N, C-alpha and C. Protein backbone atom coordinates (compact mmCIF):
# COMPACT_ATOMS: atom_id res chain seq x y z
N TYR A 1 25.29 -52.72 30.00
CA TYR A 1 24.52 -53.27 31.09
C TYR A 1 24.55 -54.78 31.08
N TYR A 2 24.50 -55.39 29.91
CA TYR A 2 24.51 -56.83 29.82
C TYR A 2 25.79 -57.39 30.50
N TRP A 3 26.94 -56.85 30.21
CA TRP A 3 28.20 -57.39 30.75
C TRP A 3 28.29 -57.17 32.25
N PHE A 4 27.75 -56.05 32.70
CA PHE A 4 27.75 -55.79 34.16
C PHE A 4 26.86 -56.85 34.82
N HIS A 5 25.64 -57.07 34.29
CA HIS A 5 24.73 -58.02 34.88
C HIS A 5 25.31 -59.43 34.82
N ARG A 6 25.93 -59.77 33.71
CA ARG A 6 26.53 -61.12 33.59
C ARG A 6 27.66 -61.29 34.59
N PHE A 7 28.49 -60.26 34.75
CA PHE A 7 29.59 -60.30 35.70
C PHE A 7 29.04 -60.55 37.10
N CYS A 8 27.96 -59.91 37.45
CA CYS A 8 27.36 -60.07 38.78
C CYS A 8 26.89 -61.51 39.01
N HIS A 9 26.54 -62.20 37.95
CA HIS A 9 26.09 -63.59 38.07
C HIS A 9 27.26 -64.58 38.05
N GLU A 10 28.36 -64.20 37.46
CA GLU A 10 29.47 -65.11 37.29
C GLU A 10 30.44 -65.18 38.45
N PHE A 11 30.56 -64.08 39.17
CA PHE A 11 31.57 -64.00 40.25
C PHE A 11 30.88 -63.84 41.60
N HIS A 12 31.30 -64.70 42.52
CA HIS A 12 30.62 -64.77 43.81
C HIS A 12 30.64 -63.44 44.55
N PHE A 13 31.75 -62.72 44.58
CA PHE A 13 31.82 -61.48 45.33
C PHE A 13 30.87 -60.43 44.73
N ALA A 14 30.63 -60.51 43.45
CA ALA A 14 29.68 -59.58 42.82
C ALA A 14 28.26 -60.04 43.04
N PHE A 15 28.02 -61.32 43.04
CA PHE A 15 26.65 -61.86 43.26
C PHE A 15 26.19 -61.62 44.68
N THR A 16 27.11 -61.54 45.63
CA THR A 16 26.67 -61.25 46.99
C THR A 16 25.93 -59.91 47.07
N GLN A 17 26.32 -58.96 46.25
CA GLN A 17 25.59 -57.69 46.18
C GLN A 17 24.39 -57.78 45.31
N HIS A 18 24.47 -58.52 44.25
CA HIS A 18 23.40 -58.58 43.25
C HIS A 18 22.25 -59.49 43.67
N SER A 19 22.53 -60.41 44.54
CA SER A 19 21.50 -61.40 44.95
C SER A 19 20.29 -60.76 45.58
N VAL A 20 20.45 -59.57 46.17
CA VAL A 20 19.31 -58.86 46.74
C VAL A 20 18.28 -58.61 45.67
N HIS A 21 18.73 -58.34 44.47
CA HIS A 21 17.85 -58.09 43.34
C HIS A 21 17.04 -59.32 42.97
N HIS A 22 17.55 -60.50 43.23
CA HIS A 22 16.86 -61.75 42.89
C HIS A 22 16.13 -62.39 44.06
N SER A 23 16.04 -61.67 45.19
CA SER A 23 15.45 -62.29 46.36
C SER A 23 13.94 -62.06 46.50
N GLY A 24 13.35 -61.30 45.55
CA GLY A 24 11.91 -61.05 45.66
C GLY A 24 11.09 -62.30 45.29
N GLU A 25 9.94 -62.44 45.88
CA GLU A 25 9.08 -63.59 45.57
C GLU A 25 8.30 -63.37 44.26
N ASP A 26 8.05 -62.10 43.93
CA ASP A 26 7.28 -61.80 42.73
C ASP A 26 8.10 -60.91 41.83
N TYR A 27 7.76 -60.92 40.53
CA TYR A 27 8.39 -60.01 39.62
C TYR A 27 7.56 -58.71 39.66
N ASN A 28 8.16 -57.61 40.06
CA ASN A 28 7.49 -56.31 40.08
C ASN A 28 8.55 -55.21 40.05
N LEU A 29 8.10 -53.97 40.07
CA LEU A 29 9.03 -52.84 39.94
C LEU A 29 9.96 -52.79 41.18
N ALA A 30 9.47 -53.09 42.34
CA ALA A 30 10.31 -53.07 43.53
C ALA A 30 11.43 -54.07 43.40
N THR A 31 11.14 -55.26 42.86
CA THR A 31 12.20 -56.25 42.63
C THR A 31 13.19 -55.76 41.60
N ALA A 32 12.70 -55.11 40.56
CA ALA A 32 13.58 -54.67 39.47
C ALA A 32 14.56 -53.61 39.99
N LEU A 33 14.12 -52.74 40.88
CA LEU A 33 14.95 -51.65 41.35
C LEU A 33 15.76 -51.96 42.58
N ARG A 34 15.53 -53.07 43.20
CA ARG A 34 16.26 -53.47 44.42
C ARG A 34 17.70 -53.79 44.06
N GLN A 35 18.62 -53.13 44.69
CA GLN A 35 20.03 -53.35 44.44
C GLN A 35 20.79 -53.45 45.75
N GLY A 36 21.91 -54.13 45.74
CA GLY A 36 22.74 -54.22 46.94
C GLY A 36 23.37 -52.89 47.27
N ALA A 37 23.73 -52.70 48.54
CA ALA A 37 24.25 -51.41 49.03
C ALA A 37 25.56 -51.03 48.33
N PHE A 38 26.36 -51.99 47.93
CA PHE A 38 27.65 -51.67 47.33
C PHE A 38 27.74 -52.09 45.87
N GLN A 39 26.63 -52.45 45.27
CA GLN A 39 26.64 -52.87 43.87
C GLN A 39 27.05 -51.72 42.96
N TRP A 40 26.83 -50.48 43.38
CA TRP A 40 27.23 -49.35 42.55
C TRP A 40 28.73 -49.31 42.32
N ILE A 41 29.52 -49.84 43.26
CA ILE A 41 30.96 -49.84 43.09
C ILE A 41 31.35 -50.73 41.91
N ILE A 42 30.72 -51.90 41.81
CA ILE A 42 30.96 -52.82 40.70
C ILE A 42 30.46 -52.15 39.41
N GLY A 43 29.28 -51.57 39.46
CA GLY A 43 28.72 -50.95 38.29
C GLY A 43 29.58 -49.79 37.79
N PHE A 44 30.18 -49.03 38.73
CA PHE A 44 31.02 -47.89 38.37
C PHE A 44 32.21 -48.35 37.50
N THR A 45 32.76 -49.51 37.78
CA THR A 45 33.89 -49.98 37.01
C THR A 45 33.49 -50.26 35.58
N PHE A 46 32.22 -50.58 35.36
CA PHE A 46 31.74 -50.81 33.99
C PHE A 46 31.32 -49.51 33.31
N THR A 47 30.86 -48.54 34.12
CA THR A 47 30.34 -47.31 33.58
C THR A 47 31.47 -46.32 33.22
N LEU A 48 32.52 -46.29 33.98
CA LEU A 48 33.57 -45.30 33.80
C LEU A 48 34.14 -45.32 32.36
N PRO A 49 34.50 -46.47 31.79
CA PRO A 49 34.98 -46.46 30.43
C PRO A 49 33.98 -45.88 29.44
N LEU A 50 32.71 -46.16 29.65
CA LEU A 50 31.68 -45.60 28.77
C LEU A 50 31.58 -44.07 28.89
N ALA A 51 31.73 -43.58 30.15
CA ALA A 51 31.68 -42.15 30.40
C ALA A 51 32.82 -41.41 29.71
N LEU A 52 33.90 -42.10 29.42
CA LEU A 52 35.02 -41.45 28.77
C LEU A 52 34.81 -41.30 27.26
N ILE A 53 33.93 -42.09 26.65
CA ILE A 53 33.77 -42.03 25.20
C ILE A 53 32.35 -41.66 24.71
N ILE A 54 31.37 -41.71 25.61
CA ILE A 54 29.97 -41.43 25.25
C ILE A 54 29.58 -40.09 25.85
N PRO A 55 28.96 -39.21 25.12
CA PRO A 55 28.52 -37.94 25.69
C PRO A 55 27.60 -38.14 26.88
N PRO A 56 27.72 -37.32 27.91
CA PRO A 56 26.92 -37.48 29.15
C PRO A 56 25.42 -37.59 28.90
N LYS A 57 24.86 -36.75 28.07
CA LYS A 57 23.42 -36.79 27.84
C LYS A 57 22.99 -38.13 27.26
N ALA A 58 23.75 -38.66 26.33
CA ALA A 58 23.41 -39.95 25.73
C ALA A 58 23.57 -41.07 26.78
N LEU A 59 24.60 -40.99 27.59
CA LEU A 59 24.83 -42.01 28.62
C LEU A 59 23.71 -42.03 29.66
N PHE A 60 23.36 -40.84 30.13
CA PHE A 60 22.27 -40.78 31.13
C PHE A 60 20.94 -41.15 30.51
N GLY A 61 20.74 -40.83 29.22
CA GLY A 61 19.54 -41.25 28.53
C GLY A 61 19.45 -42.77 28.46
N HIS A 62 20.59 -43.41 28.22
CA HIS A 62 20.61 -44.89 28.21
C HIS A 62 20.29 -45.44 29.58
N PHE A 63 20.87 -44.86 30.63
CA PHE A 63 20.61 -45.34 32.01
C PHE A 63 19.12 -45.19 32.32
N PHE A 64 18.53 -44.09 31.94
CA PHE A 64 17.12 -43.84 32.19
C PHE A 64 16.25 -44.90 31.45
N ALA A 65 16.54 -45.09 30.17
CA ALA A 65 15.78 -46.08 29.40
C ALA A 65 15.97 -47.47 29.95
N ASN A 66 17.17 -47.81 30.37
CA ASN A 66 17.43 -49.11 30.93
C ASN A 66 16.63 -49.32 32.24
N THR A 67 16.57 -48.32 33.05
CA THR A 67 15.80 -48.44 34.30
C THR A 67 14.31 -48.65 33.99
N LEU A 68 13.77 -47.91 33.01
CA LEU A 68 12.38 -48.14 32.62
C LEU A 68 12.19 -49.54 32.08
N ALA A 69 13.15 -50.02 31.30
CA ALA A 69 13.02 -51.37 30.70
C ALA A 69 13.02 -52.43 31.81
N GLN A 70 13.65 -52.17 32.95
CA GLN A 70 13.70 -53.16 34.00
C GLN A 70 12.31 -53.50 34.49
N PHE A 71 11.40 -52.54 34.45
CA PHE A 71 10.05 -52.82 34.86
C PHE A 71 9.43 -53.89 33.94
N TRP A 72 9.68 -53.75 32.66
CA TRP A 72 9.11 -54.70 31.68
C TRP A 72 9.77 -56.07 31.88
N PHE A 73 11.09 -56.09 32.08
CA PHE A 73 11.80 -57.38 32.24
C PHE A 73 11.39 -58.11 33.51
N HIS A 74 10.93 -57.38 34.48
CA HIS A 74 10.62 -57.96 35.79
C HIS A 74 9.13 -58.06 36.05
N THR A 75 8.38 -58.27 35.02
CA THR A 75 6.94 -58.51 35.21
C THR A 75 6.64 -59.96 34.84
N SER A 76 5.54 -60.43 35.26
CA SER A 76 5.13 -61.79 34.92
C SER A 76 4.68 -61.89 33.48
N GLN A 77 4.59 -60.76 32.79
CA GLN A 77 4.17 -60.76 31.39
C GLN A 77 5.27 -61.25 30.43
N VAL A 78 6.52 -61.20 30.92
CA VAL A 78 7.66 -61.66 30.13
C VAL A 78 8.02 -63.05 30.60
N GLY A 79 8.07 -63.98 29.73
CA GLY A 79 8.40 -65.38 30.11
C GLY A 79 9.84 -65.58 30.47
């Protein structure tokens, strides 16, 4: 996830999709889950190699935990 997120910040064509995520005025769950319409295409290129070597249950468990963690990362409680 880190490299995908970093990639979205480093390359303009990726940030055009990712910038929707950063357009909220407040840090909240809606901001954390807001994604660009085609960001999944970029994310898929990072996920596919993982799907070839990590068991599906473990991979989906990671995605679930990461989504829950986004709520924590996008609150005003985290500096």
